[in-house]
Each structure stands twice: as C-alpha cells, then as structure tokens.
Amino acid sequence: MTSEVLSATKKTADIQSLRINGQRLWDSLMRLAEIGATPKGGVCRLTLTDLDRQGRDLVVSWAKEAGLSVEVDQIGNVFMRRAGRDNSLPPVVAGSHIDTQPTGGKFDGNFGVLSALEVIRTLNDYGIETEAPVEMVFWTNEEGSRFVPVMMGSGVFAGIFTLEQAYAATDPAGKTVKDELHKIGYAGPAVPGQHPIGAYFEAHIEQGPILEDQDISIGVVQAVLGIRWYDCTVTGMESHAGPTPMAMRQDALQVSTRIMQEVIAIAGQFAPHGRGTVGMVQVYPNSRNVVPGSVKFSIDFRNMTDADVDNMDAALKAFIAKVEQESGLSVKLEQVSHYPAAPFHPSCKDAVRRAAQQLGYSHMDIVSGAGHDAVYMSMLAPTGMIFIPCKDGISHNEIEYSSPEQVEKGGNVLLHAMLEKAQVVSRN
C-alpha cells in the first residue's frame, strides 16, 4: 500500500471517528429554552416578539463566537457561514426555526438550529476544513402561531409568498410583520431567495410516536406528506325528533357520519402513508330534540405522493356522489387548502442513511406528517431531514421531550451527512 493510500485511509478513519460534543449541544438547548420559559417546563417564544429577539440575539452571538459571518434578509431569515476552501461553491446549510407555539417545547425547531451550530463548533474543535462553505440558518415564523402563513420565512425565500404579502400579515392585535421585524431589529438588507444553497439538511424531533414505538434512534425522512383540506356541508331538513318517523327524516348528521367513516376507510385503502381526519364538526341547530338540518365538518387528507392524494380525492368525491343519490340530501365539498407532497432528494437521504450506518445507530425510513421549512427548501436545492424520537410522540406541548442521548445521536448524523456533502479537505 502506497504512502498516499495510507494517508487517505487514515484521513477517512479520522473523519469517521468525529463526534459532536453532546453535552455542549444539550446545554445550548437548555440555555435557549430559558428565554420564554413557562411554568410547566416548556417555552413560549412567539415570532417577532421581544422574546424572539432575545433568542435570535443569543444564537447569533454563539455563531459569532464560532467565527461565523452573519447575513440577515428582508424577512428576517438569518444565515451564519463558516468559510470553505472554495467559497464560490454554494454552501451546505442546516437549520430550522426558533419561534415556538404558545405552549411549545424546548426541542421543536430549536434542535435543528442548535445541532447545526454544534456541527460547526465541532469542525472548529478539530480544525476541519471543508471544500464548500458550511452554514446554519434559522427561518422566520415557521410556526404560524402569531402570523399566517406558516413557514413564512422559508416560503418567502422560496418565492411561495411575496415579501409584500408577508409584510402585510397581521397578528390578532393588528400588528404587522413588517413593523414587528423592524421593532426587533431583524429586517435585514439581503433579498430573500438570492442566498445560494447547495444542499439543505434539517434535524428535527419526529413529533410522532413511530421511532419511539419501534425503538429506533434515527428516522431517514423520505418526504413530507402532501395535504388537502376540505370543508364538507351536508344539508337536510330540521324536524321534531319525536313526531318525525325514521324513514321520513332528512337527517344531515346521519349522512355526514357516513362520509366521515368513509374518510377513515379511504385513508386505509391508501396505506401505509394515507391519513384521513375529521377534526371539526358543526351541527345545526345542535338541539337535543331536533333532527339536524345542516352539518359542516372538516376533512384532512394526507399522503406521501400527490398522485395518492389525488386518488384519495377522487374516491371521496365518488362516495359523496353515491351518498347524494341514495339519501336525496345535498352535499357540498369545498377544498380550502392544498400543500403538495415534498419528496426529499435521494443523495441527501442516502447521506443521512450512510451516516446512521457508519455511526452504528438503528435507523428506518419514515415520513413526516407535519410541515417543515425543509418543504420549501426541497424546491430549491437537494434536501434531507433527520428525525430523532420524542417521548410519547408529543410535540407542540410544554412536556415535549427528547433525551440527551437521542439529541446527541441526531447531531452526529447531521455532522456526517453535512461533511459528505461539503467534502473534507484537511484536518489540523
């Protein structure tokens, strides 16, 4: 074996042995969680509030301590860069968000941002030089709990929403995104969408129960499910519950329940990733002794591909036509929202899977039923997501929890996936 081959082999072995500082990552998570801490152990740090400013300032200060340059765009997305050998290459980026729900937890979004910071700190610790720059980012208003639309910052960056639309959004008190961005000092000069991205990774708690149930450490996320939301209204006739014979009723609720059950059946027909939910029901006149004359309810369909969602939609409409004919009642189905499925890039999924294998962590393919900034990033650059388990699958809740061991494993997978994409040049 030549000296060059030996040197390359040693370099590969050295890189494979790299691990993040799990305690430092955990301490950073706990420190950020102090800003907006709630009595039940969670976090309330709504977007563009003074608490959000404090959280942003803390993360930016850590980035500057790590030697990163900072760029803020006009919607308040913050990019923090570690230079590579060839800075003309688009950077390998990782991140998420640091805004929370009103009763949020310590990990949703925050883990993705701080694990990206820990990757960079680890590169600094070991004197790793990468060919391409490596960046961390946090996006504005992912949660949508104060301003809509959700995933606003990444959506503006990807051209899904205009900057003007985002700026005009108001909270319940009538305050605008534009004014609040300026108030907290994060209305930057950079034009959203002009910042290059070579590849994007987002590490996240699963927000569901599958990994914990299967005792798996790492989820290799295949896609974010496509979503279609509807309002369905069934119109019958109110009548007295006593004198009206069963065969002569125009009972809107009974017809509605047939459709509701079919929603669940359709989701089952399009397994394993089909989802069907009826979450809101309004019955009129909602009286104990009146046959319901009108029912309005929500329908939520999700699946891994747009084709599957389309097929679920067709099955629902066919069933509704059948129900209308059999019952004689009018059924109105109105689609109120649609989010396309977001399949992730094979090269990024493979990088996550290889990292988990190399590290000896149990892993499985999984899908995300919730939206993430990675959805919009997947439209611009090769994108991948890493899931770690969360206790009982609970998220958007103050008791949301992932263990230090799980957090560390997710950070290590992110480290090696990013290094594969950014390409290690040298190690001091």
Protein backbone atom coordinates (compact mmCIF):
# COMPACT_ATOMS: atom_id res chain seq x y z
CA MET A 1 0.00 0.00 0.00
CA THR A 2 1.48 3.37 -1.03
CA SER A 3 2.01 6.22 1.43
CA GLU A 4 -0.66 8.26 -0.39
CA VAL A 5 -3.22 5.48 0.02
CA LEU A 6 -2.24 5.04 3.69
CA SER A 7 -2.62 8.76 4.27
CA ALA A 8 -6.04 8.82 2.60
CA THR A 9 -7.14 5.78 4.61
CA LYS A 10 -6.03 7.39 7.88
CA LYS A 11 -7.79 10.63 6.96
CA THR A 12 -11.04 8.75 6.24
CA ALA A 13 -10.76 6.87 9.55
CA ASP A 14 -10.10 10.12 11.41
CA ILE A 15 -13.14 11.79 9.89
CA GLN A 16 -15.34 8.78 10.62
CA SER A 17 -14.30 8.97 14.28
CA LEU A 18 -15.56 12.55 14.65
CA ARG A 19 -18.36 13.12 17.15
CA ILE A 20 -20.11 16.24 18.33
CA ASN A 21 -19.97 17.41 21.94
CA GLY A 22 -23.33 16.10 23.12
CA GLN A 23 -23.20 17.87 26.47
CA ARG A 24 -22.49 21.21 24.79
CA LEU A 25 -25.44 20.73 22.45
CA TRP A 26 -27.72 19.83 25.36
CA ASP A 27 -26.53 22.83 27.39
CA SER A 28 -27.21 25.13 24.43
CA LEU A 29 -30.74 23.75 24.10
CA MET A 30 -31.41 24.27 27.79
CA ARG A 31 -29.95 27.79 27.72
CA LEU A 32 -32.09 28.86 24.76
CA ALA A 33 -35.13 27.33 26.48
CA GLU A 34 -34.70 29.79 29.36
CA ILE A 35 -35.87 32.57 27.04
CA GLY A 36 -39.65 32.38 27.21
CA ALA A 37 -39.64 29.52 29.73
CA THR A 38 -43.09 28.51 31.01
CA PRO A 39 -44.01 27.22 34.48
CA LYS A 40 -44.71 23.73 33.10
CA GLY A 41 -41.23 23.40 31.63
CA GLY A 42 -41.98 24.48 28.08
CA VAL A 43 -41.30 27.58 26.03
CA CYS A 44 -43.48 30.43 24.77
CA ARG A 45 -41.36 32.45 22.35
CA LEU A 46 -43.70 33.75 19.70
CA THR A 47 -42.25 35.03 16.48
CA LEU A 48 -41.14 38.67 16.26
CA THR A 49 -41.75 39.36 19.95
CA ASP A 50 -39.07 40.73 22.24
CA LEU A 51 -38.50 37.17 23.49
CA ASP A 52 -37.90 36.10 19.88
CA ARG A 53 -35.38 38.95 19.60
CA GLN A 54 -33.61 37.70 22.71
CA GLY A 55 -33.49 34.16 21.31
CA ARG A 56 -32.19 35.40 17.97
CA ASP A 57 -29.56 37.56 19.65
CA LEU A 58 -28.33 34.61 21.71
CA VAL A 59 -28.00 32.28 18.72
CA VAL A 60 -26.31 34.98 16.64
CA SER A 61 -23.88 35.70 19.49
CA TRP A 62 -22.96 32.00 19.62
CA ALA A 63 -22.46 31.99 15.85
CA LYS A 64 -20.14 34.99 16.03
CA GLU A 65 -18.18 33.34 18.85
CA ALA A 66 -17.72 30.38 16.47
CA GLY A 67 -16.24 32.75 13.88
CA LEU A 68 -19.24 32.79 11.53
CA SER A 69 -20.25 35.68 9.30
CA VAL A 70 -23.91 36.67 9.60
CA GLU A 71 -26.41 37.68 6.90
CA VAL A 72 -30.00 38.74 7.62
CA ASP A 73 -32.53 39.05 4.81
CA GLN A 74 -35.59 41.26 4.49
CA ILE A 75 -37.97 38.72 6.05
CA GLY A 76 -35.62 38.13 8.99
CA ASN A 77 -34.10 34.80 7.97
CA VAL A 78 -30.58 34.61 9.44
CA PHE A 79 -27.72 32.77 7.66
CA MET A 80 -24.45 32.15 9.54
CA ARG A 81 -21.49 30.99 7.44
CA ARG A 82 -18.27 29.09 8.08
CA ALA A 83 -15.99 29.59 5.10
CA GLY A 84 -14.79 26.69 2.97
CA ARG A 85 -11.70 26.34 0.82
CA ASP A 86 -13.74 27.30 -2.26
CA ASN A 87 -16.19 29.98 -1.21
CA SER A 88 -17.55 30.27 -4.73
CA LEU A 89 -19.35 26.96 -4.12
CA PRO A 90 -22.91 27.10 -2.77
CA PRO A 91 -22.91 26.29 0.95
CA VAL A 92 -24.15 23.15 2.66
CA VAL A 93 -26.81 24.53 5.01
CA ALA A 94 -28.59 23.13 8.06
CA GLY A 95 -31.14 24.72 10.32
CA SER A 96 -34.76 25.13 11.31
CA HIS A 97 -36.59 27.73 13.45
CA ILE A 98 -36.51 29.09 17.00
CA ASP A 99 -40.03 30.52 17.27
CA THR A 100 -42.43 28.36 19.27
CA GLN A 101 -46.07 27.66 19.86
CA PRO A 102 -47.74 29.46 22.82
CA THR A 103 -47.42 26.19 24.73
CA GLY A 104 -44.33 24.95 22.92
CA GLY A 105 -41.44 22.78 23.97
CA LYS A 106 -37.65 23.01 24.11
CA PHE A 107 -36.89 20.92 21.02
CA ASP A 108 -39.24 21.66 18.11
CA GLY A 109 -37.17 23.71 15.67
CA ASN A 110 -34.56 24.62 18.27
CA PHE A 111 -32.86 21.23 17.97
CA GLY A 112 -32.36 21.72 14.23
CA VAL A 113 -30.77 25.14 14.66
CA LEU A 114 -28.53 24.26 17.59
CA SER A 115 -27.44 20.91 16.16
CA ALA A 116 -26.26 22.85 13.10
CA LEU A 117 -24.35 25.19 15.42
CA GLU A 118 -22.84 22.17 17.20
CA VAL A 119 -21.70 20.72 13.87
CA ILE A 120 -19.81 23.94 13.16
CA ARG A 121 -18.36 24.09 16.67
CA THR A 122 -17.13 20.51 16.18
CA LEU A 123 -15.47 21.41 12.88
CA ASN A 124 -13.72 24.25 14.71
CA ASP A 125 -12.67 21.98 17.57
CA TYR A 126 -10.92 19.56 15.22
CA GLY A 127 -9.64 22.06 12.68
CA ILE A 128 -11.67 20.58 9.82
CA GLU A 129 -11.55 22.45 6.52
CA THR A 130 -14.33 21.74 4.03
CA GLU A 131 -14.31 22.33 0.30
CA ALA A 132 -17.67 24.13 0.32
CA PRO A 133 -18.80 26.61 2.97
CA VAL A 134 -20.98 25.27 5.78
CA GLU A 135 -23.87 27.34 7.11
CA MET A 136 -26.54 27.32 9.76
CA VAL A 137 -29.84 29.16 9.39
CA PHE A 138 -32.97 29.95 11.31
CA TRP A 139 -36.12 30.87 9.44
CA THR A 140 -38.75 33.43 10.45
CA ASN A 141 -42.22 32.41 11.64
CA GLU A 142 -42.22 28.69 10.91
CA GLU A 143 -44.93 28.01 13.49
CA GLY A 144 -47.52 30.49 12.25
CA SER A 145 -48.91 30.84 15.76
CA ARG A 146 -48.82 34.65 15.69
CA PHE A 147 -48.80 35.40 11.96
CA VAL A 148 -50.01 33.35 9.00
CA PRO A 149 -48.99 31.79 6.71
CA VAL A 150 -46.92 29.16 8.46
CA MET A 151 -43.34 28.60 7.26
CA MET A 152 -43.36 32.24 6.25
CA GLY A 153 -39.63 32.96 6.12
CA SER A 154 -38.72 29.91 4.06
CA GLY A 155 -41.83 30.45 1.94
CA VAL A 156 -40.78 33.99 1.03
CA PHE A 157 -37.24 32.73 0.40
CA ALA A 158 -38.59 30.10 -2.00
CA GLY A 159 -40.93 32.53 -3.75
CA ILE A 160 -44.11 30.88 -2.49
CA PHE A 161 -45.23 34.16 -0.89
CA THR A 162 -44.18 37.65 -1.86
CA LEU A 163 -42.35 39.82 0.64
CA GLU A 164 -45.24 42.28 0.45
CA GLN A 165 -47.75 39.57 1.37
CA ALA A 166 -45.66 38.54 4.34
CA TYR A 167 -45.09 42.12 5.49
CA ALA A 168 -48.84 42.81 5.43
CA ALA A 169 -49.77 39.85 7.65
CA THR A 170 -51.19 40.92 11.00
CA ASP A 171 -51.46 39.35 14.43
CA PRO A 172 -54.69 39.40 16.50
CA ALA A 173 -53.72 42.84 17.81
CA GLY A 174 -53.38 44.22 14.29
CA LYS A 175 -49.57 44.50 14.35
CA THR A 176 -47.86 43.78 11.03
CA VAL A 177 -44.92 41.53 10.28
CA LYS A 178 -43.09 44.46 8.70
CA ASP A 179 -43.42 46.70 11.76
CA GLU A 180 -42.54 43.92 14.21
CA LEU A 181 -39.46 42.89 12.19
CA HIS A 182 -38.18 46.46 12.32
CA LYS A 183 -39.07 46.72 16.00
CA ILE A 184 -36.88 43.76 16.97
CA GLY A 185 -34.09 44.81 14.59
CA TYR A 186 -34.21 41.85 12.23
CA ALA A 187 -35.40 43.41 8.97
CA GLY A 188 -32.14 42.82 7.12
CA PRO A 189 -30.94 44.17 3.78
CA ALA A 190 -30.47 40.89 1.85
CA VAL A 191 -33.09 39.97 -0.74
CA PRO A 192 -34.82 36.67 0.17
CA GLY A 193 -34.06 33.88 -2.26
CA GLN A 194 -30.78 35.30 -3.56
CA HIS A 195 -28.69 33.45 -0.98
CA PRO A 196 -27.30 30.28 -2.65
CA ILE A 197 -27.87 26.84 -1.16
CA GLY A 198 -26.01 23.76 -2.38
CA ALA A 199 -27.79 21.30 -0.08
CA TYR A 200 -30.05 21.67 2.93
CA PHE A 201 -30.49 19.43 5.99
CA GLU A 202 -32.96 19.81 8.82
CA ALA A 203 -32.69 17.80 12.03
CA HIS A 204 -35.92 17.60 14.00
CA ILE A 205 -37.79 15.68 16.64
CA GLU A 206 -40.26 13.33 14.99
CA GLN A 207 -43.35 14.92 16.60
CA GLY A 208 -44.94 11.49 16.34
CA PRO A 209 -44.71 8.10 18.09
CA ILE A 210 -43.21 5.79 15.46
CA LEU A 211 -39.48 5.91 16.27
CA GLU A 212 -40.06 5.51 19.99
CA ASP A 213 -42.55 2.70 19.42
CA GLN A 214 -40.07 0.86 17.19
CA ASP A 215 -37.10 1.64 19.48
CA ILE A 216 -35.27 3.28 16.57
CA SER A 217 -32.72 6.08 17.02
CA ILE A 218 -32.80 7.82 13.62
CA GLY A 219 -35.55 8.42 11.09
CA VAL A 220 -34.41 8.87 7.49
CA VAL A 221 -37.19 11.12 6.29
CA GLN A 222 -38.42 10.23 2.83
CA ALA A 223 -40.90 13.03 2.29
CA VAL A 224 -43.31 15.43 3.91
CA LEU A 225 -46.86 14.30 3.21
CA GLY A 226 -48.99 16.19 0.74
CA ILE A 227 -52.09 17.71 2.34
CA ARG A 228 -55.57 18.52 1.10
CA TRP A 229 -58.13 20.21 3.36
CA TYR A 230 -61.84 20.46 2.71
CA ASP A 231 -65.00 21.85 4.25
CA CYS A 232 -67.92 19.49 3.71
CA THR A 233 -71.51 20.69 4.24
CA VAL A 234 -74.50 18.34 4.25
CA THR A 235 -77.91 19.99 4.03
CA GLY A 236 -81.10 18.24 5.12
CA MET A 237 -84.16 19.48 7.00
CA GLU A 238 -84.69 20.17 10.68
CA SER A 239 -87.68 18.37 12.16
CA HIS A 240 -89.03 17.31 15.54
CA ALA A 241 -87.23 14.26 16.94
CA GLY A 242 -90.47 12.74 18.26
CA PRO A 243 -93.16 13.01 15.58
CA THR A 244 -90.86 12.51 12.55
CA PRO A 245 -90.62 8.80 11.53
CA MET A 246 -87.16 7.50 10.84
CA ALA A 247 -87.87 6.70 7.19
CA MET A 248 -89.12 10.24 6.54
CA ARG A 249 -86.24 12.16 8.06
CA GLN A 250 -83.75 14.28 6.15
CA ASP A 251 -81.07 13.86 8.80
CA ALA A 252 -77.93 15.74 7.81
CA LEU A 253 -75.90 14.28 10.66
CA GLN A 254 -76.53 10.66 9.75
CA VAL A 255 -75.46 11.29 6.16
CA SER A 256 -72.43 13.19 7.45
CA THR A 257 -71.35 10.29 9.64
CA ARG A 258 -71.37 8.00 6.59
CA ILE A 259 -68.96 10.38 4.85
CA MET A 260 -66.81 10.72 7.98
CA GLN A 261 -66.42 6.95 8.21
CA GLU A 262 -65.52 6.81 4.53
CA VAL A 263 -62.76 9.37 5.11
CA ILE A 264 -61.14 6.89 7.51
CA ALA A 265 -61.74 3.98 5.13
CA ILE A 266 -60.14 5.83 2.21
CA ALA A 267 -57.04 6.56 4.28
CA GLY A 268 -56.81 2.84 5.00
CA GLN A 269 -57.13 1.99 1.33
CA PHE A 270 -54.10 4.14 0.57
CA ALA A 271 -51.82 2.73 3.27
CA PRO A 272 -49.19 2.88 4.62
CA HIS A 273 -48.92 6.65 4.39
CA GLY A 274 -52.58 7.57 3.89
CA ARG A 275 -54.05 9.82 6.58
CA GLY A 276 -57.70 10.82 6.94
CA THR A 277 -59.06 13.03 9.71
CA VAL A 278 -62.31 14.76 10.59
CA GLY A 279 -61.34 17.25 13.27
CA MET A 280 -64.09 19.86 13.33
CA VAL A 281 -67.87 19.33 13.29
CA GLN A 282 -70.62 21.95 13.47
CA VAL A 283 -74.18 20.68 13.82
CA TYR A 284 -77.23 22.90 13.21
CA PRO A 285 -79.35 23.62 15.16
CA ASN A 286 -77.45 21.49 17.72
CA SER A 287 -80.55 20.79 19.79
CA ARG A 288 -81.27 17.61 21.71
CA ASN A 289 -84.73 17.00 20.23
CA VAL A 290 -84.30 18.32 16.68
CA VAL A 291 -83.24 16.24 13.71
CA PRO A 292 -80.13 18.05 12.41
CA GLY A 293 -80.81 20.10 9.31
CA SER A 294 -77.23 21.02 8.46
CA VAL A 295 -73.76 19.75 9.32
CA LYS A 296 -70.44 21.30 8.36
CA PHE A 297 -67.22 19.38 9.02
CA SER A 298 -63.57 19.41 8.07
CA ILE A 299 -61.72 16.72 6.14
CA ASP A 300 -57.94 16.37 6.17
CA PHE A 301 -56.30 14.01 3.65
CA ARG A 302 -52.55 13.35 3.52
CA ASN A 303 -50.24 11.01 1.68
CA MET A 304 -46.66 10.67 0.53
CA THR A 305 -47.24 11.49 -3.14
CA ASP A 306 -49.50 13.95 -4.91
CA ALA A 307 -50.82 11.07 -7.03
CA ASP A 308 -52.01 9.25 -3.90
CA VAL A 309 -53.66 12.39 -2.58
CA ASP A 310 -55.36 12.87 -5.96
CA ASN A 311 -56.65 9.29 -5.83
CA MET A 312 -57.97 9.81 -2.31
CA ASP A 313 -59.72 12.95 -3.52
CA ALA A 314 -61.33 11.04 -6.41
CA ALA A 315 -62.51 8.27 -4.07
CA LEU A 316 -64.08 10.79 -1.70
CA LYS A 317 -65.92 12.61 -4.47
CA ALA A 318 -67.24 9.33 -5.90
CA PHE A 319 -68.56 8.29 -2.50
CA ILE A 320 -70.21 11.67 -1.94
CA ALA A 321 -71.98 11.42 -5.31
CA LYS A 322 -73.27 7.98 -4.28
CA VAL A 323 -74.45 9.28 -0.89
CA GLU A 324 -76.27 12.22 -2.51
CA GLN A 325 -78.11 9.86 -4.86
CA GLU A 326 -79.08 7.42 -2.11
CA SER A 327 -80.12 10.00 0.50
CA GLY A 328 -81.52 12.80 -1.62
CA LEU A 329 -79.61 15.30 0.52
CA SER A 330 -77.26 17.95 -0.85
CA VAL A 331 -73.56 17.59 -0.09
CA LYS A 332 -71.16 20.46 -0.84
CA LEU A 333 -67.42 19.69 -0.80
CA GLU A 334 -65.11 22.70 -0.90
CA GLN A 335 -61.33 22.40 -1.00
CA VAL A 336 -59.92 25.10 1.26
CA SER A 337 -56.19 24.37 1.21
CA HIS A 338 -53.61 22.24 -0.58
CA TYR A 339 -49.93 21.61 0.10
CA PRO A 340 -48.05 19.42 -2.37
CA ALA A 341 -46.04 16.45 -1.18
CA ALA A 342 -42.35 17.20 -0.71
CA PRO A 343 -40.15 14.20 -1.54
CA PHE A 344 -36.57 14.62 -0.39
CA HIS A 345 -33.52 14.25 -2.60
CA PRO A 346 -32.06 10.75 -2.94
CA SER A 347 -28.50 11.97 -2.38
CA CYS A 348 -29.45 13.67 0.90
CA LYS A 349 -31.49 10.70 2.11
CA ASP A 350 -28.56 8.44 1.28
CA ALA A 351 -26.15 10.72 3.15
CA VAL A 352 -28.34 10.54 6.27
CA ARG A 353 -28.67 6.77 5.97
CA ARG A 354 -24.93 6.26 5.46
CA ALA A 355 -24.17 8.45 8.45
CA ALA A 356 -26.51 6.44 10.68
CA GLN A 357 -24.99 3.17 9.44
CA GLN A 358 -21.44 4.40 9.91
CA LEU A 359 -22.24 5.51 13.45
CA GLY A 360 -23.91 2.20 14.27
CA TYR A 361 -27.30 3.76 15.04
CA SER A 362 -30.56 1.95 14.40
CA HIS A 363 -32.50 3.72 11.67
CA MET A 364 -35.57 3.42 9.48
CA ASP A 365 -37.27 5.19 6.62
CA ILE A 366 -40.09 7.42 7.82
CA VAL A 367 -42.36 10.17 6.51
CA SER A 368 -43.27 13.48 8.09
CA GLY A 369 -46.93 14.26 8.54
CA ALA A 370 -46.14 17.82 9.66
CA GLY A 371 -44.81 20.68 7.58
CA HIS A 372 -41.26 21.99 7.96
CA ASP A 373 -39.10 24.65 6.33
CA ALA A 374 -37.43 21.76 4.50
CA VAL A 375 -40.59 21.55 2.36
CA TYR A 376 -39.82 24.84 0.65
CA MET A 377 -36.07 24.22 0.61
CA SER A 378 -36.68 20.99 -1.32
CA MET A 379 -37.98 23.14 -4.18
CA LEU A 380 -34.65 24.96 -4.41
CA ALA A 381 -31.88 22.51 -3.55
CA PRO A 382 -31.22 18.87 -2.63
CA THR A 383 -32.79 18.50 0.80
CA GLY A 384 -32.94 15.90 3.54
CA MET A 385 -34.34 15.59 7.06
CA ILE A 386 -33.21 13.67 10.14
CA PHE A 387 -35.72 12.65 12.79
CA ILE A 388 -34.98 11.67 16.37
CA PRO A 389 -37.58 10.21 18.76
CA CYS A 390 -39.62 12.33 21.15
CA LYS A 391 -41.27 10.95 24.26
CA ASP A 392 -44.75 9.54 23.61
CA GLY A 393 -44.74 11.30 20.23
CA ILE A 394 -45.78 14.54 21.94
CA SER A 395 -44.92 17.92 20.43
CA HIS A 396 -46.39 21.45 20.38
CA ASN A 397 -46.70 20.85 24.10
CA GLU A 398 -44.76 22.03 27.13
CA ILE A 399 -43.87 18.45 28.09
CA GLU A 400 -42.22 17.76 24.70
CA TYR A 401 -39.01 15.83 25.37
CA SER A 402 -36.12 14.07 23.71
CA SER A 403 -33.27 12.63 25.77
CA PRO A 404 -29.66 13.89 25.74
CA GLU A 405 -28.62 10.59 24.12
CA GLN A 406 -31.15 10.95 21.31
CA VAL A 407 -30.19 14.58 20.74
CA GLU A 408 -26.51 13.64 20.54
CA LYS A 409 -27.15 10.87 18.03
CA GLY A 410 -29.14 13.21 15.81
CA GLY A 411 -26.33 15.76 15.96
CA ASN A 412 -23.75 13.14 14.99
CA VAL A 413 -25.80 12.05 11.99
CA LEU A 414 -26.17 15.68 10.91
CA LEU A 415 -22.40 16.17 11.26
CA HIS A 416 -21.51 13.29 8.97
CA ALA A 417 -24.27 13.95 6.44
CA MET A 418 -23.10 17.55 6.09
CA LEU A 419 -19.44 16.52 5.84
CA GLU A 420 -20.29 14.14 3.00
CA LYS A 421 -21.85 17.00 1.08
CA ALA A 422 -19.33 19.70 2.00
CA GLN A 423 -16.30 17.39 1.41
CA VAL A 424 -13.49 17.42 3.93
CA VAL A 425 -10.28 18.90 2.57
CA SER A 426 -7.97 18.75 5.57
CA ARG A 427 -7.77 18.29 9.31
CA ASN A 428 -5.26 20.07 11.51
